[in-house]
Amino acid sequence: MPQISVDYSERLADSFDRRAFGLALNRLAVKLIDAKPESCKVRFRRVEESVVGADADTYALVFVQFQIFPGRSPEAKAALSEAVLAELPAHLGDLSAPVDAAVDIKDIDRDCYRGTVLAP
């Protein structure tokens, strides 16, 4: 754990260095919420369409969500959110429009969550 999802606007597809950002997210999780490196999993989802406010063409979007086991303090979660937002610009490349960025950190139910590695 954590499971990390990054939704990003289609217009960022060519300039967003997703691999480097994913590795940075993993390092931040290890540093700020004491995650185990081998447990950090990041998936990226390209969003073909998004609408922000009255002008759909003004903003691109990046939304990062961490799903983690309970036990981290609100301060640690806030520090992680702030660090993610500070790290993001380094991976977006040359921006042609503003990017609306947000981070959400959710506790998941440890008693219900299950995961495994399926091997051939």
N, C-alpha and C. Protein backbone atom coordinates (compact mmCIF):
# COMPACT_ATOMS: atom_id res chain seq x y z
N MET A 1 0.86 -1.14 0.00
CA MET A 1 0.00 0.00 0.00
C MET A 1 0.91 1.21 0.00
N PRO A 2 0.76 2.26 -0.64
CA PRO A 2 -0.50 2.80 -1.13
C PRO A 2 -0.80 2.46 -2.59
N GLN A 3 -2.08 2.56 -2.91
CA GLN A 3 -2.54 2.53 -4.29
C GLN A 3 -2.67 3.99 -4.70
N ILE A 4 -2.00 4.38 -5.79
CA ILE A 4 -1.98 5.78 -6.21
C ILE A 4 -2.54 5.86 -7.62
N SER A 5 -3.51 6.72 -7.82
CA SER A 5 -4.10 6.93 -9.15
C SER A 5 -3.87 8.38 -9.56
N VAL A 6 -3.50 8.55 -10.83
CA VAL A 6 -3.29 9.89 -11.37
C VAL A 6 -4.14 10.02 -12.63
N ASP A 7 -5.16 10.85 -12.55
CA ASP A 7 -5.98 11.18 -13.72
C ASP A 7 -5.42 12.46 -14.32
N TYR A 8 -5.27 12.49 -15.64
CA TYR A 8 -4.71 13.68 -16.27
C TYR A 8 -5.39 13.94 -17.61
N SER A 9 -5.48 15.20 -17.98
CA SER A 9 -6.13 15.61 -19.22
C SER A 9 -5.35 15.15 -20.44
N GLU A 10 -6.10 14.80 -21.45
CA GLU A 10 -5.55 14.37 -22.75
C GLU A 10 -4.49 15.34 -23.26
N ARG A 11 -4.71 16.63 -23.10
CA ARG A 11 -3.78 17.62 -23.66
C ARG A 11 -2.39 17.55 -23.03
N LEU A 12 -2.25 16.87 -21.88
CA LEU A 12 -0.95 16.72 -21.22
C LEU A 12 -0.21 15.46 -21.67
N ALA A 13 -0.85 14.63 -22.47
CA ALA A 13 -0.31 13.31 -22.80
C ALA A 13 1.11 13.35 -23.37
N ASP A 14 1.41 14.31 -24.22
CA ASP A 14 2.72 14.35 -24.86
C ASP A 14 3.81 14.98 -24.00
N SER A 15 3.43 15.81 -23.05
CA SER A 15 4.44 16.53 -22.28
C SER A 15 4.61 16.03 -20.85
N PHE A 16 3.67 15.26 -20.34
CA PHE A 16 3.68 14.81 -18.95
C PHE A 16 4.60 13.60 -18.82
N ASP A 17 5.69 13.75 -18.05
CA ASP A 17 6.62 12.64 -17.82
C ASP A 17 6.05 11.79 -16.68
N ARG A 18 5.17 10.89 -17.06
CA ARG A 18 4.44 10.09 -16.08
C ARG A 18 5.35 9.14 -15.30
N ARG A 19 6.28 8.51 -15.96
CA ARG A 19 7.16 7.57 -15.25
C ARG A 19 7.95 8.29 -14.15
N ALA A 20 8.55 9.41 -14.50
CA ALA A 20 9.33 10.16 -13.51
C ALA A 20 8.43 10.65 -12.37
N PHE A 21 7.23 11.09 -12.70
CA PHE A 21 6.30 11.55 -11.67
C PHE A 21 5.89 10.38 -10.78
N GLY A 22 5.61 9.23 -11.38
CA GLY A 22 5.25 8.05 -10.59
C GLY A 22 6.36 7.66 -9.62
N LEU A 23 7.59 7.67 -10.09
CA LEU A 23 8.72 7.35 -9.20
C LEU A 23 8.83 8.39 -8.09
N ALA A 24 8.60 9.65 -8.42
CA ALA A 24 8.64 10.71 -7.40
C ALA A 24 7.52 10.51 -6.37
N LEU A 25 6.33 10.13 -6.83
CA LEU A 25 5.23 9.86 -5.90
C LEU A 25 5.60 8.74 -4.94
N ASN A 26 6.21 7.68 -5.46
CA ASN A 26 6.63 6.57 -4.60
C ASN A 26 7.63 7.04 -3.55
N ARG A 27 8.61 7.84 -3.97
CA ARG A 27 9.61 8.34 -3.00
C ARG A 27 8.94 9.22 -1.93
N LEU A 28 8.01 10.06 -2.34
CA LEU A 28 7.32 10.91 -1.36
C LEU A 28 6.51 10.08 -0.37
N ALA A 29 5.85 9.02 -0.86
CA ALA A 29 5.07 8.16 0.04
C ALA A 29 5.97 7.47 1.06
N VAL A 30 7.12 7.02 0.61
CA VAL A 30 8.08 6.37 1.53
C VAL A 30 8.54 7.38 2.58
N LYS A 31 8.88 8.57 2.12
CA LYS A 31 9.44 9.59 3.02
C LYS A 31 8.40 10.16 3.99
N LEU A 32 7.20 10.43 3.50
CA LEU A 32 6.25 11.21 4.30
C LEU A 32 5.18 10.41 5.02
N ILE A 33 4.86 9.22 4.52
CA ILE A 33 3.85 8.41 5.23
C ILE A 33 4.38 7.01 5.56
N ASP A 34 5.70 6.86 5.47
CA ASP A 34 6.36 5.61 5.88
C ASP A 34 5.87 4.39 5.11
N ALA A 35 5.60 4.59 3.83
CA ALA A 35 5.20 3.46 2.97
C ALA A 35 6.43 2.63 2.64
N LYS A 36 6.21 1.37 2.37
CA LYS A 36 7.30 0.50 1.92
C LYS A 36 7.47 0.67 0.41
N PRO A 37 8.69 0.86 -0.08
CA PRO A 37 8.89 1.12 -1.51
C PRO A 37 8.23 0.09 -2.42
N GLU A 38 8.34 -1.18 -2.07
CA GLU A 38 7.78 -2.23 -2.92
C GLU A 38 6.25 -2.28 -2.89
N SER A 39 5.66 -1.54 -1.97
CA SER A 39 4.20 -1.52 -1.85
C SER A 39 3.55 -0.37 -2.61
N CYS A 40 4.35 0.57 -3.09
CA CYS A 40 3.80 1.73 -3.79
C CYS A 40 3.44 1.35 -5.22
N LYS A 41 2.21 1.60 -5.58
CA LYS A 41 1.71 1.26 -6.92
C LYS A 41 1.02 2.48 -7.50
N VAL A 42 1.47 2.90 -8.68
CA VAL A 42 0.92 4.09 -9.33
C VAL A 42 0.31 3.70 -10.66
N ARG A 43 -0.89 4.17 -10.91
CA ARG A 43 -1.51 3.97 -12.23
C ARG A 43 -1.94 5.32 -12.75
N PHE A 44 -1.78 5.49 -14.06
CA PHE A 44 -2.14 6.73 -14.74
C PHE A 44 -3.34 6.47 -15.64
N ARG A 45 -4.27 7.41 -15.62
CA ARG A 45 -5.46 7.31 -16.47
C ARG A 45 -5.62 8.61 -17.23
N ARG A 46 -5.54 8.50 -18.54
CA ARG A 46 -5.75 9.67 -19.39
C ARG A 46 -7.23 9.95 -19.51
N VAL A 47 -7.60 11.20 -19.27
CA VAL A 47 -9.00 11.63 -19.35
C VAL A 47 -9.18 12.36 -20.67
N GLU A 48 -10.01 11.80 -21.53
CA GLU A 48 -10.19 12.38 -22.86
C GLU A 48 -10.89 13.73 -22.83
N GLU A 49 -11.84 13.89 -21.93
CA GLU A 49 -12.59 15.14 -21.86
C GLU A 49 -12.74 15.57 -20.42
N SER A 50 -12.64 16.87 -20.21
CA SER A 50 -12.93 17.43 -18.89
C SER A 50 -13.45 18.85 -19.10
N VAL A 51 -14.23 19.30 -18.16
CA VAL A 51 -14.81 20.64 -18.23
C VAL A 51 -14.58 21.32 -16.89
N VAL A 52 -13.98 22.50 -16.93
CA VAL A 52 -13.77 23.28 -15.72
C VAL A 52 -14.49 24.61 -15.89
N GLY A 53 -15.44 24.87 -15.04
CA GLY A 53 -16.15 26.14 -15.09
C GLY A 53 -16.90 26.34 -16.40
N ALA A 54 -16.93 27.58 -16.86
CA ALA A 54 -17.70 27.93 -18.05
C ALA A 54 -16.91 27.77 -19.34
N ASP A 55 -15.58 27.61 -19.25
CA ASP A 55 -14.75 27.53 -20.44
C ASP A 55 -13.95 26.24 -20.42
N ALA A 56 -14.41 25.24 -21.12
CA ALA A 56 -13.80 23.91 -21.10
C ALA A 56 -12.39 23.89 -21.66
N ASP A 57 -12.00 24.86 -22.45
CA ASP A 57 -10.69 24.84 -23.09
C ASP A 57 -9.60 25.54 -22.28
N THR A 58 -9.93 26.13 -21.16
CA THR A 58 -8.96 26.92 -20.42
C THR A 58 -7.98 26.07 -19.63
N TYR A 59 -8.44 25.07 -18.93
CA TYR A 59 -7.60 24.33 -18.00
C TYR A 59 -7.38 22.89 -18.44
N ALA A 60 -6.20 22.39 -18.10
CA ALA A 60 -5.97 20.94 -18.09
C ALA A 60 -6.12 20.51 -16.62
N LEU A 61 -6.34 19.24 -16.39
CA LEU A 61 -6.54 18.73 -15.04
C LEU A 61 -5.55 17.63 -14.70
N VAL A 62 -5.11 17.62 -13.44
CA VAL A 62 -4.38 16.49 -12.87
C VAL A 62 -4.98 16.26 -11.49
N PHE A 63 -5.43 15.04 -11.26
CA PHE A 63 -5.99 14.68 -9.96
C PHE A 63 -5.26 13.43 -9.46
N VAL A 64 -4.63 13.55 -8.29
CA VAL A 64 -3.86 12.46 -7.71
C VAL A 64 -4.60 11.96 -6.48
N GLN A 65 -4.84 10.66 -6.42
CA GLN A 65 -5.49 10.09 -5.25
C GLN A 65 -4.63 8.97 -4.67
N PHE A 66 -4.40 9.07 -3.37
CA PHE A 66 -3.71 8.03 -2.62
C PHE A 66 -4.76 7.27 -1.82
N GLN A 67 -4.73 5.96 -1.90
CA GLN A 67 -5.54 5.12 -1.02
C GLN A 67 -4.56 4.40 -0.12
N ILE A 68 -4.68 4.64 1.18
CA ILE A 68 -3.70 4.13 2.13
C ILE A 68 -4.40 3.48 3.31
N PHE A 69 -3.66 2.62 4.01
CA PHE A 69 -4.19 2.06 5.24
C PHE A 69 -4.24 3.16 6.30
N PRO A 70 -5.20 3.09 7.22
CA PRO A 70 -5.33 4.09 8.28
C PRO A 70 -4.10 4.11 9.19
N GLY A 71 -3.97 5.20 9.91
CA GLY A 71 -2.91 5.29 10.91
C GLY A 71 -1.99 6.47 10.71
N ARG A 72 -2.07 7.12 9.56
CA ARG A 72 -1.23 8.30 9.34
C ARG A 72 -1.94 9.53 9.89
N SER A 73 -1.17 10.42 10.43
CA SER A 73 -1.74 11.64 11.03
C SER A 73 -2.24 12.58 9.94
N PRO A 74 -3.20 13.45 10.29
CA PRO A 74 -3.64 14.46 9.33
C PRO A 74 -2.47 15.33 8.85
N GLU A 75 -1.52 15.59 9.74
CA GLU A 75 -0.36 16.40 9.36
C GLU A 75 0.50 15.69 8.31
N ALA A 76 0.69 14.39 8.47
CA ALA A 76 1.47 13.63 7.48
C ALA A 76 0.76 13.59 6.14
N LYS A 77 -0.55 13.43 6.16
CA LYS A 77 -1.32 13.42 4.92
C LYS A 77 -1.27 14.78 4.23
N ALA A 78 -1.38 15.85 5.02
CA ALA A 78 -1.31 17.20 4.45
C ALA A 78 0.08 17.46 3.87
N ALA A 79 1.12 17.01 4.56
CA ALA A 79 2.48 17.19 4.05
C ALA A 79 2.67 16.45 2.73
N LEU A 80 2.10 15.25 2.63
CA LEU A 80 2.18 14.49 1.38
C LEU A 80 1.44 15.22 0.27
N SER A 81 0.25 15.70 0.53
CA SER A 81 -0.51 16.43 -0.48
C SER A 81 0.26 17.64 -0.98
N GLU A 82 0.82 18.40 -0.07
CA GLU A 82 1.57 19.60 -0.45
C GLU A 82 2.82 19.25 -1.24
N ALA A 83 3.51 18.18 -0.85
CA ALA A 83 4.72 17.75 -1.56
C ALA A 83 4.39 17.28 -2.97
N VAL A 84 3.27 16.59 -3.14
CA VAL A 84 2.86 16.14 -4.47
C VAL A 84 2.59 17.34 -5.37
N LEU A 85 1.86 18.32 -4.87
CA LEU A 85 1.57 19.52 -5.67
C LEU A 85 2.85 20.29 -6.00
N ALA A 86 3.81 20.30 -5.09
CA ALA A 86 5.08 20.98 -5.36
C ALA A 86 5.91 20.22 -6.39
N GLU A 87 5.82 18.91 -6.41
CA GLU A 87 6.60 18.07 -7.33
C GLU A 87 6.03 18.08 -8.75
N LEU A 88 4.74 18.19 -8.88
CA LEU A 88 4.07 18.04 -10.17
C LEU A 88 4.61 18.93 -11.29
N PRO A 89 4.81 20.22 -11.09
CA PRO A 89 5.24 21.07 -12.21
C PRO A 89 6.52 20.60 -12.90
N ALA A 90 7.42 19.99 -12.16
CA ALA A 90 8.68 19.52 -12.75
C ALA A 90 8.46 18.43 -13.79
N HIS A 91 7.28 17.81 -13.82
CA HIS A 91 7.02 16.68 -14.70
C HIS A 91 6.02 16.98 -15.81
N LEU A 92 5.52 18.21 -15.84
CA LEU A 92 4.49 18.55 -16.83
C LEU A 92 5.05 19.09 -18.13
N GLY A 93 6.31 19.45 -18.18
CA GLY A 93 6.86 20.03 -19.39
C GLY A 93 6.42 21.47 -19.55
N ASP A 94 6.54 21.98 -20.76
CA ASP A 94 6.17 23.36 -21.05
C ASP A 94 4.65 23.46 -21.13
N LEU A 95 4.07 24.20 -20.21
CA LEU A 95 2.62 24.32 -20.15
C LEU A 95 2.11 25.36 -21.15
N SER A 96 1.12 24.98 -21.92
CA SER A 96 0.50 25.93 -22.85
C SER A 96 -0.78 26.51 -22.27
N ALA A 97 -1.25 25.96 -21.16
CA ALA A 97 -2.46 26.44 -20.49
C ALA A 97 -2.35 26.10 -19.01
N PRO A 98 -3.14 26.75 -18.18
CA PRO A 98 -3.11 26.44 -16.75
C PRO A 98 -3.52 24.98 -16.49
N VAL A 99 -3.00 24.43 -15.42
CA VAL A 99 -3.36 23.08 -14.99
C VAL A 99 -3.98 23.17 -13.62
N ASP A 100 -5.21 22.70 -13.49
CA ASP A 100 -5.88 22.61 -12.21
C ASP A 100 -5.44 21.29 -11.58
N ALA A 101 -4.72 21.35 -10.47
CA ALA A 101 -4.17 20.14 -9.85
C ALA A 101 -4.74 19.98 -8.45
N ALA A 102 -5.00 18.73 -8.07
CA ALA A 102 -5.54 18.43 -6.74
C ALA A 102 -5.02 17.08 -6.28
N VAL A 103 -4.95 16.91 -4.97
CA VAL A 103 -4.53 15.66 -4.35
C VAL A 103 -5.54 15.29 -3.28
N ASP A 104 -5.90 14.02 -3.22
CA ASP A 104 -6.81 13.52 -2.20
C ASP A 104 -6.18 12.28 -1.59
N ILE A 105 -6.23 12.17 -0.28
CA ILE A 105 -5.67 11.01 0.41
C ILE A 105 -6.79 10.38 1.21
N LYS A 106 -7.09 9.13 0.89
CA LYS A 106 -8.20 8.41 1.52
C LYS A 106 -7.68 7.20 2.28
N ASP A 107 -8.24 6.99 3.47
CA ASP A 107 -7.98 5.76 4.20
C ASP A 107 -8.89 4.67 3.66
N ILE A 108 -8.34 3.48 3.48
CA ILE A 108 -9.17 2.35 3.06
C ILE A 108 -9.33 1.39 4.23
N ASP A 109 -10.33 0.56 4.15
CA ASP A 109 -10.64 -0.38 5.22
C ASP A 109 -9.66 -1.55 5.17
N ARG A 110 -8.77 -1.60 6.13
CA ARG A 110 -7.74 -2.65 6.20
C ARG A 110 -8.37 -4.05 6.28
N ASP A 111 -9.52 -4.15 6.94
CA ASP A 111 -10.15 -5.46 7.11
C ASP A 111 -10.76 -6.00 5.82
N CYS A 112 -11.08 -5.12 4.89
CA CYS A 112 -11.72 -5.55 3.65
C CYS A 112 -10.78 -5.60 2.45
N TYR A 113 -9.69 -4.87 2.50
CA TYR A 113 -8.77 -4.80 1.36
C TYR A 113 -8.01 -6.12 1.23
N ARG A 114 -7.90 -6.59 0.01
CA ARG A 114 -7.11 -7.78 -0.29
C ARG A 114 -6.28 -7.51 -1.53
N GLY A 115 -5.09 -8.05 -1.58
CA GLY A 115 -4.23 -7.94 -2.75
C GLY A 115 -3.32 -9.15 -2.82
N THR A 116 -2.87 -9.46 -4.01
CA THR A 116 -1.95 -10.56 -4.21
C THR A 116 -1.17 -10.32 -5.48
N VAL A 117 -0.13 -11.08 -5.68
CA VAL A 117 0.62 -11.08 -6.94
C VAL A 117 0.31 -12.39 -7.63
N LEU A 118 -0.21 -12.31 -8.85
CA LEU A 118 -0.50 -13.51 -9.62
C LEU A 118 0.68 -13.80 -10.52
N ALA A 119 1.23 -14.98 -10.39
CA ALA A 119 2.40 -15.35 -11.18
C ALA A 119 2.06 -16.44 -12.19
N PRO A 120 2.77 -16.46 -13.30
CA PRO A 120 2.50 -17.50 -14.31
C PRO A 120 2.81 -18.89 -13.82
